[in-house]
PDB file of N, CA and C in Angstrom:
ATOM      1  N   UNK A   1      56.304 -38.248-156.107  1.00  0.00           N
ATOM      2  CA  UNK A   1      56.278 -37.990-154.662  1.00  0.00           C
ATOM      3  C   UNK A   1      54.967 -37.385-154.268  1.00  0.00           C
ATOM      4  N   UNK A   2      54.271 -38.037-153.309  1.00  0.00           N
ATOM      5  CA  UNK A   2      53.039 -37.508-152.816  1.00  0.00           C
ATOM      6  C   UNK A   2      53.224 -36.778-151.510  1.00  0.00           C
ATOM      7  N   UNK A   3      52.423 -35.741-151.258  1.00  0.00           N
ATOM      8  CA  UNK A   3      52.562 -35.028-150.026  1.00  0.00           C
ATOM      9  C   UNK A   3      51.497 -35.432-149.020  1.00  0.00           C
ATOM     10  N   UNK A   4      51.873 -35.613-147.828  1.00  0.00           N
ATOM     11  CA  UNK A   4      50.946 -35.908-146.775  1.00  0.00           C
ATOM     12  C   UNK A   4      50.214 -34.637-146.243  1.00  0.00           C
ATOM     13  N   UNK A   5      49.205 -34.855-145.520  1.00  0.00           N
ATOM     14  CA  UNK A   5      48.531 -33.641-144.886  1.00  0.00           C
ATOM     15  C   UNK A   5      49.497 -32.779-144.033  1.00  0.00           C
ATOM     16  N   UNK A   6      50.362 -33.529-143.245  1.00  0.00           N
ATOM     17  CA  UNK A   6      51.300 -32.772-142.403  1.00  0.00           C
ATOM     18  C   UNK A   6      52.283 -31.924-143.164  1.00  0.00           C
ATOM     19  N   UNK A   7      52.809 -32.608-144.299  1.00  0.00           N
ATOM     20  CA  UNK A   7      53.763 -31.838-145.068  1.00  0.00           C
ATOM     21  C   UNK A   7      53.029 -30.680-145.812  1.00  0.00           C
ATOM     22  N   UNK A   8      51.851 -30.862-146.232  1.00  0.00           N
ATOM     23  CA  UNK A   8      51.133 -29.741-146.851  1.00  0.00           C
ATOM     24  C   UNK A   8      50.884 -28.611-145.878  1.00  0.00           C
ATOM     25  N   UNK A   9      50.556 -28.937-144.617  1.00  0.00           N
ATOM     26  CA  UNK A   9      50.430 -27.983-143.584  1.00  0.00           C
ATOM     27  C   UNK A   9      51.729 -27.178-143.342  1.00  0.00           C
ATOM     28  N   UNK A  10      52.818 -27.945-143.278  1.00  0.00           N
ATOM     29  CA  UNK A  10      54.157 -27.343-143.143  1.00  0.00           C
ATOM     30  C   UNK A  10      54.484 -26.376-144.215  1.00  0.00           C
ATOM     31  N   UNK A  11      54.130 -26.675-145.391  1.00  0.00           N
ATOM     32  CA  UNK A  11      54.453 -25.857-146.498  1.00  0.00           C
ATOM     33  C   UNK A  11      53.536 -24.554-146.456  1.00  0.00           C
ATOM     34  N   UNK A  12      52.325 -24.711-146.084  1.00  0.00           N
ATOM     35  CA  UNK A  12      51.404 -23.587-145.917  1.00  0.00           C
ATOM     36  C   UNK A  12      51.829 -22.656-144.814  1.00  0.00           C
ATOM     37  N   UNK A  13      52.332 -23.269-143.713  1.00  0.00           N
ATOM     38  CA  UNK A  13      52.871 -22.465-142.626  1.00  0.00           C
ATOM     39  C   UNK A  13      54.020 -21.587-143.111  1.00  0.00           C
ATOM     40  N   UNK A  14      54.974 -22.281-143.828  1.00  0.00           N
ATOM     41  CA  UNK A  14      56.175 -21.596-144.275  1.00  0.00           C
ATOM     42  C   UNK A  14      55.828 -20.514-145.229  1.00  0.00           C
ATOM     43  N   UNK A  15      54.861 -20.748-146.126  1.00  0.00           N
ATOM     44  CA  UNK A  15      54.441 -19.683-147.085  1.00  0.00           C
ATOM     45  C   UNK A  15      53.723 -18.550-146.367  1.00  0.00           C
ATOM     46  N   UNK A  16      52.908 -18.855-145.405  1.00  0.00           N
ATOM     47  CA  UNK A  16      52.282 -17.774-144.637  1.00  0.00           C
ATOM     48  C   UNK A  16      53.314 -16.917-143.970  1.00  0.00           C
ATOM     49  N   UNK A  17      54.259 -17.461-143.293  1.00  0.00           N
ATOM     50  CA  UNK A  17      55.388 -16.774-142.670  1.00  0.00           C
ATOM     51  C   UNK A  17      56.149 -15.947-143.642  1.00  0.00           C
ATOM     52  N   UNK A  18      56.380 -16.526-144.820  1.00  0.00           N
ATOM     53  CA  UNK A  18      57.215 -15.841-145.778  1.00  0.00           C
ATOM     54  C   UNK A  18      56.484 -14.581-146.419  1.00  0.00           C
ATOM     55  N   UNK A  19      55.185 -14.668-146.527  1.00  0.00           N
ATOM     56  CA  UNK A  19      54.484 -13.612-147.140  1.00  0.00           C
ATOM     57  C   UNK A  19      53.689 -12.689-146.106  1.00  0.00           C
ATOM     58  N   UNK A  20      53.907 -12.933-144.787  1.00  0.00           N
ATOM     59  CA  UNK A  20      53.274 -12.135-143.758  1.00  0.00           C
ATOM     60  C   UNK A  20      53.970 -10.798-143.695  1.00  0.00           C
ATOM     61  N   UNK A  21      53.138  -9.771-143.606  1.00  0.00           N
ATOM     62  CA  UNK A  21      53.685  -8.472-143.541  1.00  0.00           C
ATOM     63  C   UNK A  21      53.938  -8.019-142.051  1.00  0.00           C
ATOM     64  N   UNK A  22      55.243  -7.860-141.700  1.00  0.00           N
ATOM     65  CA  UNK A  22      55.643  -7.528-140.415  1.00  0.00           C
ATOM     66  C   UNK A  22      55.914  -5.988-140.368  1.00  0.00           C
ATOM     67  N   UNK A  23      55.244  -5.339-139.425  1.00  0.00           N
ATOM     68  CA  UNK A  23      55.405  -3.857-139.411  1.00  0.00           C
ATOM     69  C   UNK A  23      56.210  -3.364-138.173  1.00  0.00           C
ATOM     70  N   UNK A  24      56.823  -4.209-137.451  1.00  0.00           N
ATOM     71  CA  UNK A  24      57.661  -3.811-136.331  1.00  0.00           C
ATOM     72  C   UNK A  24      58.903  -4.661-136.251  1.00  0.00           C
ATOM     73  N   UNK A  25      59.857  -4.070-135.583  1.00  0.00           N
ATOM     74  CA  UNK A  25      61.188  -4.773-135.311  1.00  0.00           C
ATOM     75  C   UNK A  25      61.364  -4.498-133.857  1.00  0.00           C
ATOM     76  N   UNK A  26      62.374  -5.178-133.178  1.00  0.00           N
ATOM     77  CA  UNK A  26      62.612  -5.024-131.776  1.00  0.00           C
ATOM     78  C   UNK A  26      64.029  -4.481-131.518  1.00  0.00           C
ATOM     79  N   UNK A  27      64.161  -3.669-130.462  1.00  0.00           N
ATOM     80  CA  UNK A  27      65.447  -3.037-130.103  1.00  0.00           C
ATOM     81  C   UNK A  27      65.486  -2.902-128.596  1.00  0.00           C
ATOM     82  N   UNK A  28      66.451  -2.257-127.988  1.00  0.00           N
ATOM     83  CA  UNK A  28      66.631  -2.097-126.595  1.00  0.00           C
ATOM     84  C   UNK A  28      65.509  -1.221-126.031  1.00  0.00           C
ATOM     85  N   UNK A  29      65.227  -1.437-124.743  1.00  0.00           N
ATOM     86  CA  UNK A  29      64.135  -0.726-124.039  1.00  0.00           C
ATOM     87  C   UNK A  29      64.773   0.128-122.900  1.00  0.00           C
ATOM     88  N   UNK A  30      64.070   1.085-122.417  1.00  0.00           N
ATOM     89  CA  UNK A  30      64.533   1.947-121.277  1.00  0.00           C
ATOM     90  C   UNK A  30      64.138   3.366-121.404  1.00  0.00           C
ATOM     91  N   UNK A  31      64.496   4.186-120.396  1.00  0.00           N
ATOM     92  CA  UNK A  31      64.213   5.599-120.386  1.00  0.00           C
ATOM     93  C   UNK A  31      65.207   6.471-121.297  1.00  0.00           C
ATOM     94  N   UNK A  32      64.591   7.435-121.954  1.00  0.00           N
ATOM     95  CA  UNK A  32      65.587   8.329-122.653  1.00  0.00           C
ATOM     96  C   UNK A  32      66.069   9.397-121.636  1.00  0.00           C
ATOM     97  N   UNK A  33      67.043  10.119-122.105  1.00  0.00           N
ATOM     98  CA  UNK A  33      67.469  11.315-121.308  1.00  0.00           C
ATOM     99  C   UNK A  33      66.428  12.466-121.489  1.00  0.00           C
ATOM    100  N   UNK A  34      66.470  13.495-120.628  1.00  0.00           N
ATOM    101  CA  UNK A  34      65.549  14.598-120.754  1.00  0.00           C
ATOM    102  C   UNK A  34      65.769  15.303-122.036  1.00  0.00           C
ATOM    103  N   UNK A  35      64.613  15.671-122.684  1.00  0.00           N
ATOM    104  CA  UNK A  35      64.634  16.229-123.999  1.00  0.00           C
ATOM    105  C   UNK A  35      63.435  17.250-124.101  1.00  0.00           C
ATOM    106  N   UNK A  36      63.576  18.042-125.079  1.00  0.00           N
ATOM    107  CA  UNK A  36      62.399  19.047-125.383  1.00  0.00           C
ATOM    108  C   UNK A  36      61.536  18.352-126.458  1.00  0.00           C
ATOM    109  N   UNK A  37      60.323  18.657-126.366  1.00  0.00           N
ATOM    110  CA  UNK A  37      59.335  18.172-127.355  1.00  0.00           C
ATOM    111  C   UNK A  37      59.335  19.256-128.484  1.00  0.00           C
ATOM    112  N   UNK A  38      59.757  18.858-129.747  1.00  0.00           N
ATOM    113  CA  UNK A  38      59.793  19.665-130.780  1.00  0.00           C
ATOM    114  C   UNK A  38      58.641  19.648-131.695  1.00  0.00           C
ATOM    115  N   UNK A  39      57.921  18.494-131.757  1.00  0.00           N
ATOM    116  CA  UNK A  39      56.704  18.287-132.622  1.00  0.00           C
ATOM    117  C   UNK A  39      55.933  17.213-132.050  1.00  0.00           C
ATOM    118  N   UNK A  40      54.545  17.347-132.086  1.00  0.00           N
ATOM    119  CA  UNK A  40      53.685  16.337-131.651  1.00  0.00           C
ATOM    120  C   UNK A  40      52.553  16.219-132.692  1.00  0.00           C
ATOM    121  N   UNK A  41      52.373  15.072-133.334  1.00  0.00           N
ATOM    122  CA  UNK A  41      51.393  14.940-134.468  1.00  0.00           C
ATOM    123  C   UNK A  41      50.471  13.806-134.252  1.00  0.00           C
ATOM    124  N   UNK A  42      49.114  14.180-134.025  1.00  0.00           N
ATOM    125  CA  UNK A  42      48.150  13.123-134.035  1.00  0.00           C
ATOM    126  C   UNK A  42      47.952  12.663-135.469  1.00  0.00           C
ATOM    127  N   UNK A  43      47.881  11.317-135.685  1.00  0.00           N
ATOM    128  CA  UNK A  43      47.789  10.762-136.973  1.00  0.00           C
ATOM    129  C   UNK A  43      46.297  10.189-137.226  1.00  0.00           C
ATOM    130  N   UNK A  44      45.943  10.103-138.467  1.00  0.00           N
ATOM    131  CA  UNK A  44      44.693   9.401-138.785  1.00  0.00           C
ATOM    132  C   UNK A  44      44.869   7.897-138.682  1.00  0.00           C
ATOM    133  N   UNK A  45      46.084   7.483-138.516  1.00  0.00           N
ATOM    134  CA  UNK A  45      46.316   5.967-138.429  1.00  0.00           C
ATOM    135  C   UNK A  45      46.018   5.645-136.950  1.00  0.00           C
ATOM    136  N   UNK A  46      46.575   4.521-136.466  1.00  0.00           N
ATOM    137  CA  UNK A  46      46.295   4.055-135.147  1.00  0.00           C
ATOM    138  C   UNK A  46      47.221   4.572-134.106  1.00  0.00           C
ATOM    139  N   UNK A  47      48.047   5.588-134.369  1.00  0.00           N
ATOM    140  CA  UNK A  47      48.995   6.062-133.418  1.00  0.00           C
ATOM    141  C   UNK A  47      49.358   7.503-133.643  1.00  0.00           C
ATOM    142  N   UNK A  48      49.990   8.255-132.573  1.00  0.00           N
ATOM    143  CA  UNK A  48      50.499   9.524-132.778  1.00  0.00           C
ATOM    144  C   UNK A  48      52.028   9.498-132.730  1.00  0.00           C
ATOM    145  N   UNK A  49      52.629  10.547-133.234  1.00  0.00           N
ATOM    146  CA  UNK A  49      54.161  10.592-133.267  1.00  0.00           C
ATOM    147  C   UNK A  49      54.649  11.858-132.517  1.00  0.00           C
ATOM    148  N   UNK A  50      55.786  11.818-131.976  1.00  0.00           N
ATOM    149  CA  UNK A  50      56.453  12.937-131.234  1.00  0.00           C
ATOM    150  C   UNK A  50      57.852  12.919-131.583  1.00  0.00           C
ATOM    151  N   UNK A  51      58.354  14.232-131.743  1.00  0.00           N
ATOM    152  CA  UNK A  51      59.833  14.347-132.050  1.00  0.00           C
ATOM    153  C   UNK A  51      60.487  14.986-130.930  1.00  0.00           C
ATOM    154  N   UNK A  52      61.481  14.431-130.381  1.00  0.00           N
ATOM    155  CA  UNK A  52      62.244  14.896-129.131  1.00  0.00           C
ATOM    156  C   UNK A  52      63.597  15.355-129.636  1.00  0.00           C
ATOM    157  N   UNK A  53      64.104  16.483-129.200  1.00  0.00           N
ATOM    158  CA  UNK A  53      65.427  16.851-129.509  1.00  0.00           C
ATOM    159  C   UNK A  53      66.365  16.455-128.454  1.00  0.00           C
ATOM    160  N   UNK A  54      67.515  16.042-128.814  1.00  0.00           N
ATOM    161  CA  UNK A  54      68.552  15.609-127.897  1.00  0.00           C
ATOM    162  C   UNK A  54      68.242  14.620-126.854  1.00  0.00           C
ATOM    163  N   UNK A  55      67.348  13.679-127.207  1.00  0.00           N
ATOM    164  CA  UNK A  55      67.044  12.624-126.201  1.00  0.00           C
ATOM    165  C   UNK A  55      67.985  11.574-126.368  1.00  0.00           C
ATOM    166  N   UNK A  56      68.835  11.336-125.300  1.00  0.00           N
ATOM    167  CA  UNK A  56      69.769  10.204-125.279  1.00  0.00           C
ATOM    168  C   UNK A  56      68.876   8.940-125.207  1.00  0.00           C
ATOM    169  N   UNK A  57      68.765   8.143-126.189  1.00  0.00           N
ATOM    170  CA  UNK A  57      67.853   7.065-126.128  1.00  0.00           C
ATOM    171  C   UNK A  57      68.623   5.713-126.171  1.00  0.00           C
ATOM    172  N   UNK A  58      68.064   4.701-125.398  1.00  0.00           N
ATOM    173  CA  UNK A  58      68.702   3.461-125.333  1.00  0.00           C
ATOM    174  C   UNK A  58      68.304   2.520-126.553  1.00  0.00           C
ATOM    175  N   UNK A  59      67.414   3.018-127.360  1.00  0.00           N
ATOM    176  CA  UNK A  59      66.929   2.160-128.487  1.00  0.00           C
ATOM    177  C   UNK A  59      67.940   1.949-129.651  1.00  0.00           C
ATOM    178  N   UNK A  60      67.714   0.863-130.326  1.00  0.00           N
ATOM    179  CA  UNK A  60      68.516   0.595-131.505  1.00  0.00           C
ATOM    180  C   UNK A  60      67.705   0.916-132.756  1.00  0.00           C
ATOM    181  N   UNK A  61      66.441   1.513-132.605  1.00  0.00           N
ATOM    182  CA  UNK A  61      65.682   1.773-133.718  1.00  0.00           C
ATOM    183  C   UNK A  61      66.416   2.791-134.632  1.00  0.00           C
ATOM    184  N   UNK A  62      66.062   2.829-135.955  1.00  0.00           N
ATOM    185  CA  UNK A  62      66.804   3.579-136.899  1.00  0.00           C
ATOM    186  C   UNK A  62      66.677   5.096-136.638  1.00  0.00           C
ATOM    187  N   UNK A  63      65.525   5.563-136.276  1.00  0.00           N
ATOM    188  CA  UNK A  63      65.337   6.987-136.088  1.00  0.00           C
ATOM    189  C   UNK A  63      65.505   7.426-134.611  1.00  0.00           C
ATOM    190  N   UNK A  64      66.434   8.233-134.297  1.00  0.00           N
ATOM    191  CA  UNK A  64      66.702   8.556-132.853  1.00  0.00           C
ATOM    192  C   UNK A  64      65.908   9.761-132.351  1.00  0.00           C
ATOM    193  N   UNK A  65      65.134  10.471-133.200  1.00  0.00           N
ATOM    194  CA  UNK A  65      64.355  11.643-132.854  1.00  0.00           C
ATOM    195  C   UNK A  65      62.878  11.408-132.721  1.00  0.00           C
ATOM    196  N   UNK A  66      62.332  10.464-133.457  1.00  0.00           N
ATOM    197  CA  UNK A  66      60.887  10.295-133.530  1.00  0.00           C
ATOM    198  C   UNK A  66      60.470   9.133-132.686  1.00  0.00           C
ATOM    199  N   UNK A  67      59.279   9.174-132.118  1.00  0.00           N
ATOM    200  CA  UNK A  67      58.775   8.186-131.259  1.00  0.00           C
ATOM    201  C   UNK A  67      57.271   8.066-131.609  1.00  0.00           C
ATOM    202  N   UNK A  68      56.709   6.870-131.358  1.00  0.00           N
ATOM    203  CA  UNK A  68      55.284   6.789-131.601  1.00  0.00           C
ATOM    204  C   UNK A  68      54.499   6.023-130.432  1.00  0.00           C
ATOM    205  N   UNK A  69      53.184   6.213-130.331  1.00  0.00           N
ATOM    206  CA  UNK A  69      52.411   5.496-129.407  1.00  0.00           C
ATOM    207  C   UNK A  69      51.074   5.185-130.012  1.00  0.00           C
ATOM    208  N   UNK A  70      50.624   3.892-129.884  1.00  0.00           N
ATOM    209  CA  UNK A  70      49.322   3.495-130.353  1.00  0.00           C
ATOM    210  C   UNK A  70      48.259   4.162-129.516  1.00  0.00           C
ATOM    211  N   UNK A  71      47.111   4.569-130.188  1.00  0.00           N
ATOM    212  CA  UNK A  71      45.992   5.174-129.395  1.00  0.00           C
ATOM    213  C   UNK A  71      45.376   4.146-128.495  1.00  0.00           C
ATOM    214  N   UNK A  72      45.457   2.894-128.735  1.00  0.00           N
ATOM    215  CA  UNK A  72      44.814   1.882-127.827  1.00  0.00           C
ATOM    216  C   UNK A  72      45.593   1.510-126.637  1.00  0.00           C
ATOM    217  N   UNK A  73      46.812   2.138-126.440  1.00  0.00           N
ATOM    218  CA  UNK A  73      47.660   1.885-125.280  1.00  0.00           C
ATOM    219  C   UNK A  73      46.888   2.550-124.073  1.00  0.00           C
ATOM    220  N   UNK A  74      46.901   1.820-122.936  1.00  0.00           N
ATOM    221  CA  UNK A  74      46.227   2.332-121.762  1.00  0.00           C
ATOM    222  C   UNK A  74      46.878   3.714-121.397  1.00  0.00           C
ATOM    223  N   UNK A  75      46.038   4.689-121.146  1.00  0.00           N
ATOM    224  CA  UNK A  75      46.494   6.053-120.767  1.00  0.00           C
ATOM    225  C   UNK A  75      47.142   6.805-121.902  1.00  0.00           C
ATOM    226  N   UNK A  76      47.083   6.365-123.046  1.00  0.00           N
ATOM    227  CA  UNK A  76      47.816   7.118-124.225  1.00  0.00           C
ATOM    228  C   UNK A  76      47.230   8.549-124.299  1.00  0.00           C
ATOM    229  N   UNK A  77      45.903   8.727-124.003  1.00  0.00           N
ATOM    230  CA  UNK A  77      45.450  10.124-124.087  1.00  0.00           C
ATOM    231  C   UNK A  77      46.089  11.010-123.021  1.00  0.00           C
ATOM    232  N   UNK A  78      46.344  10.452-121.795  1.00  0.00           N
ATOM    233  CA  UNK A  78      46.982  11.219-120.682  1.00  0.00           C
ATOM    234  C   UNK A  78      48.457  11.571-121.168  1.00  0.00           C
ATOM    235  N   UNK A  79      49.094  10.608-121.739  1.00  0.00           N
ATOM    236  CA  UNK A  79      50.503  10.852-122.086  1.00  0.00           C
ATOM    237  C   UNK A  79      50.538  11.843-123.310  1.00  0.00           C
ATOM    238  N   UNK A  80      49.601  11.784-124.230  1.00  0.00           N
ATOM    239  CA  UNK A  80      49.518  12.711-125.261  1.00  0.00           C
ATOM    240  C   UNK A  80      49.341  14.161-124.694  1.00  0.00           C
ATOM    241  N   UNK A  81      48.437  14.269-123.775  1.00  0.00           N
ATOM    242  CA  UNK A  81      48.244  15.629-123.083  1.00  0.00           C
ATOM    243  C   UNK A  81      49.482  16.092-122.333  1.00  0.00           C
ATOM    244  N   UNK A  82      50.201  15.209-121.680  1.00  0.00           N
ATOM    245  CA  UNK A  82      51.491  15.576-121.051  1.00  0.00           C
ATOM    246  C   UNK A  82      52.454  16.056-122.057  1.00  0.00           C
ATOM    247  N   UNK A  83      52.579  15.343-123.210  1.00  0.00           N
ATOM    248  CA  UNK A  83      53.487  15.779-124.220  1.00  0.00           C
ATOM    249  C   UNK A  83      53.118  17.135-124.837  1.00  0.00           C
ATOM    250  N   UNK A  84      51.744  17.293-124.986  1.00  0.00           N
ATOM    251  CA  UNK A  84      51.269  18.577-125.513  1.00  0.00           C
ATOM    252  C   UNK A  84      51.549  19.720-124.565  1.00  0.00           C
ATOM    253  N   UNK A  85      51.402  19.551-123.197  1.00  0.00           N
ATOM    254  CA  UNK A  85      51.674  20.467-122.236  1.00  0.00           C
ATOM    255  C   UNK A  85      53.145  20.901-122.253  1.00  0.00           C
ATOM    256  N   UNK A  86      54.060  19.882-122.349  1.00  0.00           N
ATOM    257  CA  UNK A  86      55.469  20.030-122.453  1.00  0.00           C
ATOM    258  C   UNK A  86      55.840  20.887-123.703  1.00  0.00           C
ATOM    259  N   UNK A  87      55.174  20.558-124.814  1.00  0.00           N
ATOM    260  CA  UNK A  87      55.438  21.310-126.033  1.00  0.00           C
ATOM    261  C   UNK A  87      55.115  22.812-125.898  1.00  0.00           C
ATOM    262  N   UNK A  88      53.947  23.097-125.276  1.00  0.00           N
ATOM    263  CA  UNK A  88      53.534  24.407-125.100  1.00  0.00           C
ATOM    264  C   UNK A  88      54.317  25.250-124.044  1.00  0.00           C
ATOM    265  N   UNK A  89      54.644  24.499-123.001  1.00  0.00           N
ATOM    266  CA  UNK A  89      55.323  25.218-121.825  1.00  0.00           C
ATOM    267  C   UNK A  89      56.860  25.307-121.988  1.00  0.00           C
ATOM    268  N   UNK A  90      57.390  24.366-122.817  1.00  0.00           N
ATOM    269  CA  UNK A  90      58.839  24.305-122.897  1.00  0.00           C
ATOM    270  C   UNK A  90      59.501  23.335-121.904  1.00  0.00           C
ATOM    271  N   UNK A  91      58.678  22.652-121.136  1.00  0.00           N
ATOM    272  CA  UNK A  91      59.121  21.655-120.121  1.00  0.00           C
ATOM    273  C   UNK A  91      59.824  20.486-120.872  1.00  0.00           C
ATOM    274  N   UNK A  92      60.772  19.845-120.128  1.00  0.00           N
ATOM    275  CA  UNK A  92      61.464  18.783-120.737  1.00  0.00           C
ATOM    276  C   UNK A  92      60.810  17.520-120.354  1.00  0.00           C
ATOM    277  N   UNK A  93      61.000  16.442-121.104  1.00  0.00           N
ATOM    278  CA  UNK A  93      60.375  15.178-120.835  1.00  0.00           C
ATOM    279  C   UNK A  93      61.349  14.037-120.980  1.00  0.00           C
ATOM    280  N   UNK A  94      61.021  12.923-120.367  1.00  0.00           N
ATOM    281  CA  UNK A  94      61.670  11.618-120.561  1.00  0.00           C
ATOM    282  C   UNK A  94      60.583  10.729-121.050  1.00  0.00           C
ATOM    283  N   UNK A  95      60.904   9.823-121.979  1.00  0.00           N
ATOM    284  CA  UNK A  95      59.897   8.807-122.405  1.00  0.00           C
ATOM    285  C   UNK A  95      60.594   7.341-122.233  1.00  0.00           C
ATOM    286  N   UNK A  96      59.631   6.469-121.907  1.00  0.00           N
ATOM    287  CA  UNK A  96      60.185   5.011-121.881  1.00  0.00           C
ATOM    288  C   UNK A  96      59.936   4.361-123.100  1.00  0.00           C
ATOM    289  N   UNK A  97      60.984   3.913-123.858  1.00  0.00           N
ATOM    290  CA  UNK A  97      60.886   3.239-125.127  1.00  0.00           C
ATOM    291  C   UNK A  97      60.808   1.732-124.849  1.00  0.00           C
ATOM    292  N   UNK A  98      59.881   1.028-125.489  1.00  0.00           N
ATOM    293  CA  UNK A  98      59.543  -0.332-125.208  1.00  0.00           C
ATOM    294  C   UNK A  98      60.496  -1.282-125.911  1.00  0.00           C
ATOM    295  N   UNK A  99      61.243  -0.832-126.879  1.00  0.00           N
ATOM    296  CA  UNK A  99      62.070  -1.743-127.655  1.00  0.00           C
ATOM    297  C   UNK A  99      61.446  -2.150-129.009  1.00  0.00           C
ATOM    298  N   UNK A 100      60.223  -1.696-129.203  1.00  0.00           N
ATOM    299  CA  UNK A 100      59.480  -1.924-130.485  1.00  0.00           C
ATOM    300  C   UNK A 100      59.779  -0.826-131.440  1.00  0.00           C
ATOM    301  N   UNK A 101      60.093  -1.100-132.753  1.00  0.00           N
ATOM    302  CA  UNK A 101      60.308  -0.088-133.735  1.00  0.00           C
ATOM    303  C   UNK A 101      59.239  -0.325-134.831  1.00  0.00           C
ATOM    304  N   UNK A 102      58.770   0.857-135.406  1.00  0.00           N
ATOM    305  CA  UNK A 102      57.835   0.685-136.502  1.00  0.00           C
ATOM    306  C   UNK A 102      58.535   0.683-137.849  1.00  0.00           C
ATOM    307  N   UNK A 103      57.925   0.621-138.967  1.00  0.00           N
ATOM    308  CA  UNK A 103      58.578   0.539-140.266  1.00  0.00           C
ATOM    309  C   UNK A 103      59.399   1.846-140.585  1.00  0.00           C
ATOM    310  N   UNK A 104      58.964   2.956-140.020  1.00  0.00           N
ATOM    311  CA  UNK A 104      59.723   4.185-140.199  1.00  0.00           C
ATOM    312  C   UNK A 104      60.936   4.245-139.307  1.00  0.00           C
ATOM    313  N   UNK A 105      61.145   3.308-138.502  1.00  0.00           N
ATOM    314  CA  UNK A 105      62.267   3.319-137.514  1.00  0.00           C
ATOM    315  C   UNK A 105      62.054   4.195-136.260  1.00  0.00           C
ATOM    316  N   UNK A 106      60.733   4.428-136.021  1.00  0.00           N
ATOM    317  CA  UNK A 106      60.359   5.230-134.815  1.00  0.00           C
ATOM    318  C   UNK A 106      60.319   4.133-133.602  1.00  0.00           C
ATOM    319  N   UNK A 107      60.723   4.691-132.459  1.00  0.00           N
ATOM    320  CA  UNK A 107      60.543   3.874-131.172  1.00  0.00           C
ATOM    321  C   UNK A 107      59.200   4.029-130.609  1.00  0.00           C
ATOM    322  N   UNK A 108      58.631   2.936-130.137  1.00  0.00           N
ATOM    323  CA  UNK A 108      57.421   2.973-129.394  1.00  0.00           C
ATOM    324  C   UNK A 108      57.661   3.405-127.963  1.00  0.00           C
ATOM    325  N   UNK A 109      56.751   4.215-127.387  1.00  0.00           N
ATOM    326  CA  UNK A 109      56.871   4.713-126.054  1.00  0.00           C
ATOM    327  C   UNK A 109      55.683   4.098-125.201  1.00  0.00           C
ATOM    328  N   UNK A 110      55.886   3.888-123.950  1.00  0.00           N
ATOM    329  CA  UNK A 110      54.874   3.448-123.058  1.00  0.00           C
ATOM    330  C   UNK A 110      54.673   4.330-121.749  1.00  0.00           C
ATOM    331  N   UNK A 111      55.559   5.216-121.546  1.00  0.00           N
ATOM    332  CA  UNK A 111      55.460   6.128-120.347  1.00  0.00           C
ATOM    333  C   UNK A 111      56.039   7.501-120.753  1.00  0.00           C
ATOM    334  N   UNK A 112      55.578   8.486-120.019  1.00  0.00           N
ATOM    335  CA  UNK A 112      56.014   9.836-120.241  1.00  0.00           C
ATOM    336  C   UNK A 112      56.251  10.546-118.827  1.00  0.00           C
ATOM    337  N   UNK A 113      57.401  11.160-118.636  1.00  0.00           N
ATOM    338  CA  UNK A 113      57.736  11.882-117.422  1.00  0.00           C
ATOM    339  C   UNK A 113      57.992  13.317-117.820  1.00  0.00           C
ATOM    340  N   UNK A 114      57.258  14.314-117.158  1.00  0.00           N
ATOM    341  CA  UNK A 114      57.475  15.736-117.449  1.00  0.00           C
ATOM    342  C   UNK A 114      58.332  16.279-116.321  1.00  0.00           C
ATOM    343  N   UNK A 115      59.279  17.159-116.628  1.00  0.00           N
ATOM    344  CA  UNK A 115      60.076  17.753-115.632  1.00  0.00           C
ATOM    345  C   UNK A 115      60.377  19.238-115.908  1.00  0.00           C
ATOM    346  N   UNK A 116      60.871  20.046-114.906  1.00  0.00           N
ATOM    347  CA  UNK A 116      61.201  21.350-115.165  1.00  0.00           C
ATOM    348  C   UNK A 116      62.627  21.438-115.627  1.00  0.00           C
TER     349      UNK A 116
END
């Protein structure tokens, strides 16, 4: 049996997909309930992480307390500062989860709302 160029391409595509490393999964999106910021950790990686207590979250990600945001997200620096202020002042926050989960099961966030 000889393989044609198109069948070789098909096999290569399947092998590429089979061996591709996927670092995210998808879940539900939406706003969490109001929560306290318990921990905020800037990482040497491409994102920071935040732990919220008692945040009723719409996500199906494995971890219900930890959230992450890529540094290259527009206004991520402003959201980081808002979370830091909430951590130091004791203010409560809501975060918008995108539905994207990382390998640790943390939910990605795209917005932060601070409240009294």
